[in-house]
Protein backbone atom coordinates (compact mmCIF):
# COMPACT_ATOMS: atom_id res chain seq x y z
CA UNK A 1 -86.39 41.41 -18.44
CA UNK A 2 -87.80 41.87 -14.95
CA UNK A 3 -89.83 44.84 -16.19
CA UNK A 4 -91.81 42.68 -18.63
CA UNK A 5 -93.21 40.29 -16.01
CA UNK A 6 -95.36 42.92 -14.27
CA UNK A 7 -98.00 43.30 -17.01
CA UNK A 8 -98.39 39.52 -17.24
CA UNK A 9 -98.86 39.30 -13.47
CA UNK A 10 -101.62 41.93 -13.48
CA UNK A 11 -103.29 40.23 -16.43
CA UNK A 12 -103.30 36.93 -14.55
CA UNK A 13 -104.76 38.64 -11.49
CA UNK A 14 -107.51 40.24 -13.54
CA UNK A 15 -108.32 36.98 -15.29
CA UNK A 16 -108.43 35.09 -11.98
CA UNK A 17 -110.76 37.73 -10.50
CA UNK A 18 -112.98 37.54 -13.57
CA UNK A 19 -113.21 33.76 -13.28
CA UNK A 20 -114.06 34.01 -9.58
CA UNK A 21 -116.83 36.52 -10.28
CA UNK A 22 -118.20 34.26 -13.02
CA UNK A 23 -118.19 31.25 -10.66
CA UNK A 24 -120.04 33.27 -8.00
CA UNK A 25 -122.57 34.38 -10.59
CA UNK A 26 -123.22 30.79 -11.65
CA UNK A 27 -123.66 29.71 -8.02
CA UNK A 28 -126.21 32.47 -7.41
CA UNK A 29 -128.04 31.50 -10.59
CA UNK A 30 -128.22 27.86 -9.48
CA UNK A 31 -129.52 28.90 -6.04
CA UNK A 32 -132.22 31.08 -7.58
CA UNK A 33 -133.23 28.23 -9.86
CA UNK A 34 -133.59 25.88 -6.88
CA UNK A 35 -135.60 28.45 -4.95
CA UNK A 36 -137.84 28.99 -7.97
CA UNK A 37 -138.63 25.27 -8.06
CA UNK A 38 -139.68 25.26 -4.41
CA UNK A 39 -142.01 28.24 -4.87
CA UNK A 40 -143.95 26.66 -7.73
CA UNK A 41 -146.41 24.67 -5.54
CA UNK A 42 -147.65 27.86 -3.87
CA UNK A 43 -148.65 29.34 -7.21
CA UNK A 44 -150.49 26.12 -8.04
CA UNK A 45 -152.87 26.87 -5.14
CA UNK A 46 -153.93 30.05 -6.93
CA UNK A 47 -155.21 27.91 -9.79
CA UNK A 48 -157.87 26.58 -7.38
CA UNK A 49 -159.66 29.93 -7.37
CA UNK A 50 -163.25 29.73 -8.53
CA UNK A 51 -164.75 32.60 -10.49
CA UNK A 52 -168.22 33.45 -9.22
CA UNK A 53 -170.84 35.38 -11.16
CA UNK A 54 -173.57 37.70 -9.95
CA UNK A 55 -177.26 37.59 -10.97
CA UNK A 56 -176.52 39.37 -14.25
CA UNK A 57 -173.80 36.91 -15.22
CA UNK A 58 -170.97 39.36 -14.61
CA UNK A 59 -167.86 37.89 -12.91
CA UNK A 60 -167.32 39.06 -9.36
CA UNK A 61 -163.89 40.17 -8.21
CA UNK A 62 -161.75 38.30 -5.73
CA UNK A 63 -161.14 39.56 -2.20
CA UNK A 64 -158.45 38.67 0.32
CA UNK A 65 -160.47 35.73 1.69
CA UNK A 66 -160.13 33.95 -1.65
CA UNK A 67 -156.35 33.86 -1.35
CA UNK A 68 -156.05 32.41 2.16
CA UNK A 69 -155.43 28.73 2.68
């Protein structure tokens, strides 16, 4: 009977490792979600850009000065 316990032991080890990997994955996902929430206000500043037009009514492009705070 001792020979039958080995496969069960390895199965338990594999299952435990799988559960640990899944828990780590969920933690990383939660951290990314929190970081994504903190980055949202910076993108809101880009909404303050004003489109300017030249004499012909064509929109002018943005340059790096438009994106500084």
